[in-house]
Amino acid sequence: MWSPLEGSATSGNGLLALDQPVVYSLFPDQDTLFASGRFTFARNGTGWTTVSDVARWDGRTWSPIGLSKLGGWVWALARFRGELIAGGDFYSLDDPEVRNIARWDGSTWRPMGPGVDGQVVALAVMNDQLIVGGGLSRAGTVDVRGVARWDGQSWDSMGPIQFFGLSPRVNSLVVRDNKLYVGGSFSQLGGVDARNVTTWDGGMWAPLGNGFDQEVLRLTFYKGELVASGRFNQLEGVPAYGLARWDGETWIPFPGEVGNPRSGGVQIFAMCTEGQDPYVGGVFNEIAGVPAMNVARWNGVRWNPLGSGIGAQELGFYPSVSSVAVFQNSLYAGGYFSTAGGKRSSHVARWDGIGSAFAETAKLAVAPGRPNPFTAQVLVPFWLPTAARVEAQVVDLTGRRVRTLLRADLPAGYHPTVWDGTDDGGARVRAGVYYVTVRSSTNGPEARKVVLLP
């Protein structure tokens, strides 16, 4: 079940700003969950606390990181030599040398040398050095180009990054078995040809197979294998809609298509394993044919939605999940959204289904129609957790049946349903608002609104 962080479900509790609030990073650190992004206030019960782009959650309440403030966007957090590190696109009103990266010494944000030029979007620690990635051009006085390392005293380059025709960028850094893995948008790193993903052993860069035809957004490890998400659509001519794994020799599409080629695939911005099966977040309304709103879980066999997922942003923008993390036996999701599980949750929410039977996923689930509005046809897919007798209908605003789309015994799994805007007699109905309703012998009804254009 999804729940907002503290207070009533109608209060919109969470993290807010006056302009385009978003939570980019969730960083579990012992008994504290740190959140960063672009926000100004955190709600606790009926009151508001000023937090300014970085906040801490102890499982009950939000609190600021001291009184020192960062101004801008904070995209990444890490722990290095006992201090919290923040990276992003920001400055400090208290110290002009704080530029895009800073360390928290327990009382204030401190500079790390003269700071860096360019956005910092990824942080990792390897061999007692802090690795920094993003759209970097310089770190202190050093030309670093995309990725750099900090030894506690000074900055050092790790080799130039290139991408012909576009701005190169590092999006994700992960360390495993004393190796650094880098994902982003580049054709070369450290002078080595590598399409959007590469690895570094502490001395040399090396490609990982033939890489990807498009940008890599996130990297993580699952069952000992590197998993990459991104905007890529194929691997060596094989469809791979946004998610793939590295078996040590080649990239393999992750089990089940992620997204749907008819809708252009999905974008997965966040991945988390933490010893569990993978959780992913991003911008999608289905994954491998399973209706799932912006967040989902892989159970080793198939993808599962997490309740009704992360819902709509009220300001007219698409909702998105930018970060997922496990903290105190619950899954936390952060991003740009105003509801989770149908409850008001301002840009951060908690899922308490880890280790449970996932009761909410064991129900009939109906995905939003697409395209919507429509003129010729609208696809409204649904997911059956078990085999059942199913009936799908189109009704108007009065509840009157317009068309019976389906009445059949169906197996468990994904099922597409298409309406062409006609009634049971085959006549075109008038333009307007309709509902596609689906009910089964065990669940339902569930409905999705569709809009038929003239």
Protein backbone atom coordinates (compact mmCIF):
# COMPACT_ATOMS: atom_id res chain seq x y z
CA MET A 1 0.00 0.00 0.00
CA TRP A 2 1.22 3.52 -0.85
CA SER A 3 1.21 6.21 1.81
CA PRO A 4 2.40 9.81 2.06
CA LEU A 5 5.17 10.59 4.54
CA GLU A 6 3.42 11.62 7.78
CA GLY A 7 0.06 13.23 8.37
CA SER A 8 -3.25 12.62 6.68
CA ALA A 9 -3.56 11.28 3.18
CA THR A 10 -5.38 14.45 2.09
CA SER A 11 -2.80 16.98 3.27
CA GLY A 12 -0.39 16.55 0.38
CA ASN A 13 2.48 15.85 2.76
CA GLY A 14 5.94 15.58 1.36
CA LEU A 15 8.38 18.06 -0.21
CA LEU A 16 7.26 21.22 -1.98
CA ALA A 17 8.67 24.29 -3.71
CA LEU A 18 7.15 27.41 -5.20
CA ASP A 19 8.29 26.44 -8.71
CA GLN A 20 8.54 22.94 -10.25
CA PRO A 21 9.35 20.89 -7.15
CA VAL A 22 11.01 17.51 -7.70
CA VAL A 23 12.87 14.86 -5.69
CA TYR A 24 15.86 13.60 -7.68
CA SER A 25 17.73 11.43 -5.20
CA LEU A 26 16.87 9.24 -2.20
CA PHE A 27 19.93 8.13 -0.24
CA PRO A 28 19.53 5.66 2.69
CA ASP A 29 22.28 6.19 5.27
CA GLN A 30 21.98 4.02 8.40
CA ASP A 31 18.96 5.36 10.34
CA THR A 32 18.35 8.32 8.00
CA LEU A 33 16.89 8.67 4.52
CA PHE A 34 18.23 11.75 2.76
CA ALA A 35 16.24 13.34 -0.06
CA SER A 36 17.56 15.89 -2.52
CA GLY A 37 16.23 17.77 -5.51
CA ARG A 38 14.51 21.10 -5.92
CA PHE A 39 12.23 21.87 -3.00
CA THR A 40 11.92 24.42 -0.23
CA PHE A 41 9.51 23.02 2.34
CA ALA A 42 8.75 19.71 4.03
CA ARG A 43 5.40 19.05 5.63
CA ASN A 44 5.21 17.45 9.08
CA GLY A 45 1.64 16.88 10.22
CA THR A 46 -0.04 20.27 9.90
CA GLY A 47 3.10 22.41 9.79
CA TRP A 48 5.83 23.21 7.31
CA THR A 49 9.60 23.08 7.77
CA THR A 50 12.11 24.93 5.56
CA VAL A 51 14.59 22.37 4.19
CA SER A 52 16.08 23.93 1.02
CA ASP A 53 16.86 21.18 -1.51
CA VAL A 54 18.28 18.58 0.93
CA ALA A 55 16.24 17.04 3.76
CA ARG A 56 16.47 14.11 6.14
CA TRP A 57 13.71 11.65 7.06
CA ASP A 58 14.03 9.53 10.23
CA GLY A 59 10.99 7.36 9.56
CA ARG A 60 8.61 9.79 11.26
CA THR A 61 9.47 13.43 10.47
CA TRP A 62 11.39 15.64 8.05
CA SER A 63 14.18 17.94 9.21
CA PRO A 64 16.63 20.28 7.45
CA ILE A 65 20.38 19.79 7.11
CA GLY A 66 21.36 22.58 9.51
CA LEU A 67 20.75 26.22 8.63
CA SER A 68 23.18 26.41 5.69
CA LYS A 69 21.35 26.40 2.36
CA LEU A 70 22.14 25.31 -1.17
CA GLY A 71 20.49 27.29 -3.96
CA GLY A 72 19.58 25.38 -7.12
CA TRP A 73 19.17 21.71 -7.99
CA VAL A 74 20.71 18.86 -5.98
CA TRP A 75 20.81 15.70 -8.11
CA ALA A 76 23.04 13.25 -6.24
CA LEU A 77 24.09 12.33 -2.71
CA ALA A 78 26.85 10.08 -1.34
CA ARG A 79 28.89 9.45 1.82
CA PHE A 80 32.66 10.04 1.56
CA ARG A 81 35.04 9.82 4.52
CA GLY A 82 32.18 10.27 6.95
CA GLU A 83 30.76 13.39 5.31
CA LEU A 84 27.59 13.78 3.24
CA ILE A 85 28.39 14.88 -0.33
CA ALA A 86 25.88 16.73 -2.51
CA GLY A 87 26.20 17.19 -6.27
CA GLY A 88 24.04 19.13 -8.69
CA ASP A 89 23.67 22.56 -10.25
CA PHE A 90 23.81 24.92 -7.28
CA TYR A 91 25.70 27.50 -5.30
CA SER A 92 25.84 28.53 -1.63
CA LEU A 93 24.92 31.96 -0.30
CA ASP A 94 27.27 31.29 2.61
CA ASP A 95 30.40 30.37 0.63
CA PRO A 96 31.06 31.50 -2.98
CA GLU A 97 33.50 28.61 -3.53
CA VAL A 98 30.66 26.09 -3.22
CA ARG A 99 29.79 25.39 -6.87
CA ASN A 100 27.85 22.30 -7.95
CA ILE A 101 29.44 20.04 -5.32
CA ALA A 102 29.74 20.41 -1.56
CA ARG A 103 30.43 18.44 1.62
CA TRP A 104 28.46 18.68 4.85
CA ASP A 105 30.82 18.81 7.84
CA GLY A 106 28.05 18.55 10.42
CA SER A 107 27.36 22.25 10.69
CA THR A 108 27.58 23.81 7.24
CA TRP A 109 28.16 23.07 3.53
CA ARG A 110 31.85 23.34 2.66
CA PRO A 111 33.56 23.67 -0.75
CA MET A 112 35.63 20.92 -2.32
CA GLY A 113 38.46 22.92 -3.79
CA PRO A 114 37.15 25.72 -6.03
CA GLY A 115 34.16 23.56 -7.03
CA VAL A 116 33.36 22.30 -10.53
CA ASP A 117 32.08 23.79 -13.76
CA GLY A 118 29.09 21.85 -15.08
CA GLN A 119 26.29 19.82 -13.55
CA VAL A 120 27.05 16.93 -11.19
CA VAL A 121 24.47 14.13 -11.59
CA ALA A 122 26.26 11.02 -10.27
CA LEU A 123 28.53 10.17 -7.33
CA ALA A 124 30.39 7.00 -6.28
CA VAL A 125 33.28 6.01 -4.00
CA MET A 126 36.14 3.76 -5.16
CA ASN A 127 39.58 3.15 -3.63
CA ASP A 128 39.01 5.90 -1.06
CA GLN A 129 38.38 8.42 -3.84
CA LEU A 130 35.15 10.21 -4.72
CA ILE A 131 34.15 9.74 -8.36
CA VAL A 132 32.02 12.53 -9.83
CA GLY A 133 30.10 12.36 -13.11
CA GLY A 134 27.85 14.65 -15.11
CA GLY A 135 28.19 17.39 -17.68
CA LEU A 136 31.53 18.49 -16.22
CA SER A 137 34.07 20.67 -18.04
CA ARG A 138 36.46 21.56 -15.21
CA ALA A 139 37.05 20.60 -11.58
CA GLY A 140 38.98 23.30 -9.80
CA THR A 141 41.69 24.23 -12.31
CA VAL A 142 41.74 20.79 -13.99
CA ASP A 143 40.15 20.02 -17.37
CA VAL A 144 38.09 16.92 -16.52
CA ARG A 145 35.44 16.48 -19.25
CA GLY A 146 32.54 14.45 -17.91
CA VAL A 147 34.08 12.50 -15.05
CA ALA A 148 36.60 13.37 -12.31
CA ARG A 149 37.98 12.10 -9.00
CA TRP A 150 38.58 13.82 -5.67
CA ASP A 151 41.13 12.45 -3.18
CA GLY A 152 40.10 14.70 -0.32
CA GLN A 153 42.54 17.47 -1.25
CA SER A 154 42.54 17.99 -5.02
CA TRP A 155 40.81 17.12 -8.29
CA ASP A 156 42.19 14.86 -11.03
CA SER A 157 41.06 14.01 -14.54
CA MET A 158 40.04 10.49 -15.54
CA GLY A 159 40.27 11.12 -19.28
CA PRO A 160 38.18 13.10 -21.76
CA ILE A 161 34.64 12.17 -22.75
CA GLN A 162 33.35 12.65 -26.30
CA PHE A 163 30.13 12.36 -28.24
CA PHE A 164 30.18 13.69 -31.77
CA GLY A 165 27.39 16.13 -32.52
CA LEU A 166 25.92 16.18 -28.99
CA SER A 167 26.96 17.24 -25.52
CA PRO A 168 28.53 14.26 -23.68
CA ARG A 169 27.25 13.45 -20.23
CA VAL A 170 27.70 10.85 -17.48
CA ASN A 171 24.37 9.84 -15.89
CA SER A 172 25.23 6.92 -13.61
CA LEU A 173 28.19 5.55 -11.63
CA VAL A 174 28.30 2.22 -9.78
CA VAL A 175 31.19 0.33 -8.18
CA ARG A 176 31.41 -3.45 -7.94
CA ASP A 177 34.40 -5.71 -7.17
CA ASN A 178 36.80 -2.76 -7.30
CA LYS A 179 35.61 -1.69 -10.76
CA LEU A 180 33.79 1.45 -11.77
CA TYR A 181 30.91 1.22 -14.27
CA VAL A 182 29.81 4.36 -16.12
CA GLY A 183 26.65 4.99 -18.12
CA GLY A 184 25.59 8.07 -20.02
CA SER A 185 25.67 9.69 -23.43
CA PHE A 186 29.13 9.37 -25.00
CA SER A 187 31.11 7.65 -27.74
CA GLN A 188 34.50 7.72 -26.04
CA LEU A 189 35.76 7.93 -22.49
CA GLY A 190 39.43 8.13 -21.59
CA GLY A 191 40.33 7.75 -25.25
CA VAL A 192 38.60 4.36 -25.50
CA ASP A 193 35.67 3.82 -27.89
CA ALA A 194 32.62 2.96 -25.80
CA ARG A 195 29.02 3.51 -26.78
CA ASN A 196 27.26 5.00 -23.75
CA VAL A 197 28.61 2.48 -21.22
CA THR A 198 32.13 1.61 -20.07
CA THR A 199 34.17 0.34 -17.12
CA TRP A 200 37.36 1.43 -15.32
CA ASP A 201 39.59 -0.86 -13.24
CA GLY A 202 41.50 1.91 -11.48
CA GLY A 203 44.01 2.35 -14.28
CA MET A 204 42.42 1.68 -17.67
CA TRP A 205 39.09 2.20 -19.40
CA ALA A 206 37.46 -0.65 -21.33
CA PRO A 207 34.24 -1.00 -23.36
CA LEU A 208 31.44 -3.39 -22.42
CA GLY A 209 30.68 -5.18 -25.66
CA ASN A 210 29.24 -2.94 -28.34
CA GLY A 211 27.34 -0.82 -25.85
CA PHE A 212 24.04 0.83 -26.78
CA ASP A 213 22.66 2.84 -29.66
CA GLN A 214 21.18 5.46 -27.31
CA GLU A 215 21.76 7.07 -23.92
CA VAL A 216 22.10 5.00 -20.73
CA LEU A 217 20.23 6.53 -17.80
CA ARG A 218 20.90 4.21 -14.84
CA LEU A 219 23.10 1.27 -13.84
CA THR A 220 22.68 -1.23 -11.02
CA PHE A 221 23.53 -4.85 -10.20
CA TYR A 222 21.06 -7.72 -9.97
CA LYS A 223 22.15 -11.27 -9.10
CA GLY A 224 25.76 -10.43 -9.92
CA GLU A 225 25.01 -8.96 -13.35
CA LEU A 226 25.14 -5.33 -14.42
CA VAL A 227 21.73 -3.98 -15.47
CA ALA A 228 21.35 -0.85 -17.62
CA SER A 229 18.29 1.25 -18.32
CA GLY A 230 18.09 3.91 -20.98
CA ARG A 231 16.61 5.25 -24.18
CA PHE A 232 17.94 2.41 -26.33
CA ASN A 233 15.61 0.31 -28.50
CA GLN A 234 17.78 -2.54 -29.72
CA LEU A 235 20.89 -4.60 -29.08
CA GLU A 236 22.64 -5.95 -32.16
CA GLY A 237 19.34 -5.82 -34.02
CA VAL A 238 17.40 -7.50 -31.20
CA PRO A 239 14.59 -5.42 -29.65
CA ALA A 240 15.51 -4.18 -26.16
CA TYR A 241 13.05 -1.59 -24.98
CA GLY A 242 14.94 0.31 -22.35
CA LEU A 243 16.40 -2.42 -20.11
CA ALA A 244 19.28 -4.90 -20.58
CA ARG A 245 21.74 -6.99 -18.56
CA TRP A 246 25.45 -7.73 -19.06
CA ASP A 247 26.36 -11.41 -18.61
CA GLY A 248 30.10 -10.75 -18.73
CA GLU A 249 30.38 -11.15 -22.49
CA THR A 250 27.37 -9.54 -24.12
CA TRP A 251 24.30 -7.40 -23.48
CA ILE A 252 21.00 -9.29 -23.31
CA PRO A 253 17.52 -7.73 -23.26
CA PHE A 254 16.04 -8.00 -19.78
CA PRO A 255 13.31 -10.68 -19.52
CA GLY A 256 10.13 -9.34 -21.05
CA GLU A 257 9.90 -6.25 -23.20
CA VAL A 258 10.13 -3.09 -21.16
CA GLY A 259 7.64 -0.66 -22.56
CA ASN A 260 5.84 -1.19 -25.81
CA PRO A 261 7.18 -0.46 -29.30
CA ARG A 262 3.77 0.85 -30.34
CA SER A 263 4.06 3.64 -27.77
CA GLY A 264 7.77 4.27 -28.22
CA GLY A 265 8.94 2.40 -25.14
CA VAL A 266 9.46 3.84 -21.68
CA GLN A 267 12.07 5.80 -19.80
CA ILE A 268 13.42 4.19 -16.62
CA PHE A 269 15.15 6.82 -14.51
CA ALA A 270 15.50 4.84 -11.28
CA MET A 271 16.49 1.30 -10.30
CA CYS A 272 17.00 -0.33 -6.92
CA THR A 273 17.81 -3.89 -5.85
CA GLU A 274 19.25 -3.69 -2.31
CA GLY A 275 19.25 -7.50 -2.07
CA GLN A 276 15.68 -7.58 -3.31
CA ASP A 277 14.21 -8.15 -6.72
CA PRO A 278 14.55 -5.02 -8.87
CA TYR A 279 12.27 -2.03 -8.48
CA VAL A 280 12.18 0.46 -11.33
CA GLY A 281 10.70 3.93 -11.67
CA GLY A 282 10.36 6.37 -14.52
CA VAL A 283 7.74 7.43 -17.04
CA PHE A 284 5.54 4.58 -18.26
CA ASN A 285 2.02 3.19 -17.96
CA GLU A 286 2.90 -0.40 -18.69
CA ILE A 287 5.96 -2.61 -18.52
CA ALA A 288 6.30 -5.86 -20.46
CA GLY A 289 2.59 -5.65 -21.21
CA VAL A 290 1.63 -5.29 -17.54
CA PRO A 291 -0.25 -2.10 -16.60
CA ALA A 292 1.97 -0.26 -14.11
CA MET A 293 2.00 3.48 -13.50
CA ASN A 294 5.59 4.77 -13.35
CA VAL A 295 6.86 2.19 -10.83
CA ALA A 296 7.08 -1.62 -10.92
CA ARG A 297 8.78 -4.69 -9.41
CA TRP A 298 10.37 -7.70 -11.09
CA ASN A 299 9.77 -10.88 -9.04
CA GLY A 300 12.15 -13.09 -11.00
CA VAL A 301 9.42 -14.33 -13.32
CA ARG A 302 7.36 -11.34 -14.39
CA TRP A 303 6.80 -7.64 -13.74
CA ASN A 304 4.27 -6.57 -11.12
CA PRO A 305 2.60 -3.20 -10.55
CA LEU A 306 2.79 -1.63 -7.10
CA GLY A 307 -0.85 -0.97 -6.39
CA SER A 308 -2.19 1.74 -8.67
CA GLY A 309 1.28 3.26 -8.88
CA ILE A 310 2.39 6.88 -9.01
CA GLY A 311 -0.34 9.14 -10.28
CA ALA A 312 -0.93 12.42 -12.02
CA GLN A 313 0.84 15.71 -11.49
CA GLU A 314 -1.78 18.43 -11.15
CA LEU A 315 0.11 21.15 -13.01
CA GLY A 316 -0.26 19.61 -16.46
CA PHE A 317 3.10 17.79 -16.59
CA TYR A 318 3.64 14.05 -16.89
CA PRO A 319 4.35 12.44 -13.52
CA SER A 320 7.70 10.71 -13.17
CA VAL A 321 9.72 8.71 -10.64
CA SER A 322 13.37 9.79 -10.47
CA SER A 323 14.59 7.69 -7.52
CA VAL A 324 13.64 4.53 -5.62
CA ALA A 325 15.31 3.27 -2.44
CA VAL A 326 14.71 0.75 0.34
CA PHE A 327 14.72 2.22 3.85
CA GLN A 328 13.53 0.59 7.09
CA ASN A 329 11.86 -2.28 5.21
CA SER A 330 9.82 -0.04 2.93
CA LEU A 331 10.29 1.17 -0.62
CA TYR A 332 10.46 4.93 -1.08
CA ALA A 333 9.86 6.67 -4.40
CA GLY A 334 10.76 10.26 -5.22
CA GLY A 335 10.12 12.33 -8.30
CA TYR A 336 7.65 14.75 -9.84
CA PHE A 337 4.14 13.73 -8.82
CA SER A 338 1.28 14.68 -6.54
CA THR A 339 -0.39 11.31 -5.87
CA ALA A 340 0.69 7.75 -5.08
CA GLY A 341 -1.82 4.93 -4.80
CA GLY A 342 -4.58 7.49 -5.28
CA LYS A 343 -3.47 9.44 -2.17
CA ARG A 344 -2.01 12.93 -2.16
CA SER A 345 1.76 12.59 -1.83
CA SER A 346 3.94 15.54 -2.74
CA HIS A 347 6.88 14.17 -4.73
CA VAL A 348 7.84 11.42 -2.28
CA ALA A 349 5.88 8.37 -1.07
CA ARG A 350 6.33 5.07 0.73
CA TRP A 351 5.30 1.57 -0.40
CA ASP A 352 4.83 -0.87 2.48
CA GLY A 353 4.47 -4.00 0.36
CA ILE A 354 8.06 -5.30 0.60
CA GLY A 355 8.08 -8.88 1.84
CA SER A 356 4.29 -9.11 1.74
CA ALA A 357 2.08 -11.04 -0.60
CA PHE A 358 1.55 -7.86 -2.63
CA ALA A 359 -2.18 -8.01 -2.10
CA GLU A 360 -2.82 -4.90 -4.20
CA THR A 361 -1.10 -6.42 -7.22
CA ALA A 362 -3.31 -9.51 -7.06
CA LYS A 363 -6.17 -7.59 -8.62
CA LEU A 364 -7.45 -6.74 -12.03
CA ALA A 365 -5.49 -3.73 -13.37
CA VAL A 366 -6.51 -1.59 -16.34
CA ALA A 367 -3.99 0.72 -18.04
CA PRO A 368 -4.83 4.18 -19.44
CA GLY A 369 -6.02 4.24 -23.03
CA ARG A 370 -3.71 5.31 -25.82
CA PRO A 371 -3.83 7.37 -27.81
CA ASN A 372 -6.20 9.43 -25.73
CA PRO A 373 -8.02 11.50 -26.98
CA PHE A 374 -8.45 9.44 -30.16
CA THR A 375 -10.19 9.53 -33.52
CA ALA A 376 -9.84 6.03 -35.04
CA GLN A 377 -8.98 3.52 -32.30
CA VAL A 378 -8.00 3.48 -28.64
CA LEU A 379 -6.09 0.64 -26.96
CA VAL A 380 -7.02 -0.08 -23.33
CA PRO A 381 -4.93 -3.03 -22.09
CA PHE A 382 -5.63 -4.86 -18.84
CA TRP A 383 -3.87 -7.37 -16.59
CA LEU A 384 -5.44 -10.48 -15.06
CA PRO A 385 -3.65 -11.93 -12.01
CA THR A 386 -5.44 -15.28 -12.49
CA ALA A 387 -7.57 -16.95 -15.14
CA ALA A 388 -11.14 -15.61 -15.05
CA ARG A 389 -14.31 -14.85 -16.97
CA VAL A 390 -13.95 -11.28 -18.28
CA GLU A 391 -16.35 -8.71 -19.70
CA ALA A 392 -15.21 -5.40 -21.20
CA GLN A 393 -17.71 -2.69 -22.17
CA VAL A 394 -17.87 0.92 -23.27
CA VAL A 395 -20.38 3.10 -21.41
CA ASP A 396 -21.33 6.77 -21.76
CA LEU A 397 -21.53 9.38 -19.02
CA THR A 398 -24.98 8.14 -17.95
CA GLY A 399 -23.69 4.58 -17.54
CA ARG A 400 -25.58 3.34 -20.62
CA ARG A 401 -23.80 0.52 -22.44
CA VAL A 402 -22.56 1.61 -25.87
CA ARG A 403 -20.50 -1.38 -26.93
CA THR A 404 -19.53 -4.79 -25.59
CA LEU A 405 -15.88 -5.28 -26.48
CA LEU A 406 -15.22 -8.63 -24.90
CA ARG A 407 -16.96 -11.46 -23.06
CA ALA A 408 -14.74 -14.53 -22.68
CA ASP A 409 -12.78 -16.85 -20.40
CA LEU A 410 -9.19 -15.60 -20.38
CA PRO A 411 -5.90 -16.84 -18.89
CA ALA A 412 -3.83 -14.79 -16.47
CA GLY A 413 -1.65 -12.12 -18.02
CA TYR A 414 -1.77 -9.16 -20.37
CA HIS A 415 -4.75 -8.64 -22.70
CA PRO A 416 -5.23 -5.81 -25.21
CA THR A 417 -8.69 -4.32 -25.76
CA VAL A 418 -9.42 -1.99 -28.68
CA TRP A 419 -12.43 0.26 -29.29
CA ASP A 420 -12.95 1.85 -32.71
CA GLY A 421 -15.58 4.40 -31.66
CA THR A 422 -18.61 2.41 -32.84
CA ASP A 423 -21.59 0.94 -31.02
CA ASP A 424 -22.82 -2.68 -31.00
CA GLY A 425 -24.51 -2.07 -34.35
CA GLY A 426 -21.34 -0.82 -35.99
CA ALA A 427 -22.44 2.82 -36.17
CA ARG A 428 -20.04 5.62 -35.28
CA VAL A 429 -21.03 7.21 -31.96
CA ARG A 430 -20.93 10.93 -31.31
CA ALA A 431 -17.75 12.57 -30.04
CA GLY A 432 -17.42 12.90 -26.29
CA VAL A 433 -16.32 11.25 -23.05
CA TYR A 434 -16.77 7.51 -22.53
CA TYR A 435 -15.53 4.88 -20.10
CA VAL A 436 -14.05 1.48 -20.92
CA THR A 437 -15.00 -0.81 -18.03
CA VAL A 438 -13.47 -4.21 -17.36
CA ARG A 439 -14.75 -6.71 -14.81
CA SER A 440 -13.80 -10.30 -14.13
CA SER A 441 -15.42 -13.12 -12.21
CA THR A 442 -13.06 -12.34 -9.32
CA ASN A 443 -12.39 -8.58 -9.58
CA GLY A 444 -13.77 -5.31 -10.81
CA PRO A 445 -15.19 -3.37 -12.31
CA GLU A 446 -12.27 -1.12 -13.22
CA ALA A 447 -12.76 1.78 -15.64
CA ARG A 448 -10.66 4.13 -17.77
CA LYS A 449 -11.91 7.37 -19.29
CA VAL A 450 -11.40 7.85 -23.03
CA VAL A 451 -12.22 10.84 -25.21
CA LEU A 452 -13.49 10.35 -28.76
CA LEU A 453 -12.77 13.28 -31.06
CA PRO A 454 -14.99 14.26 -34.02
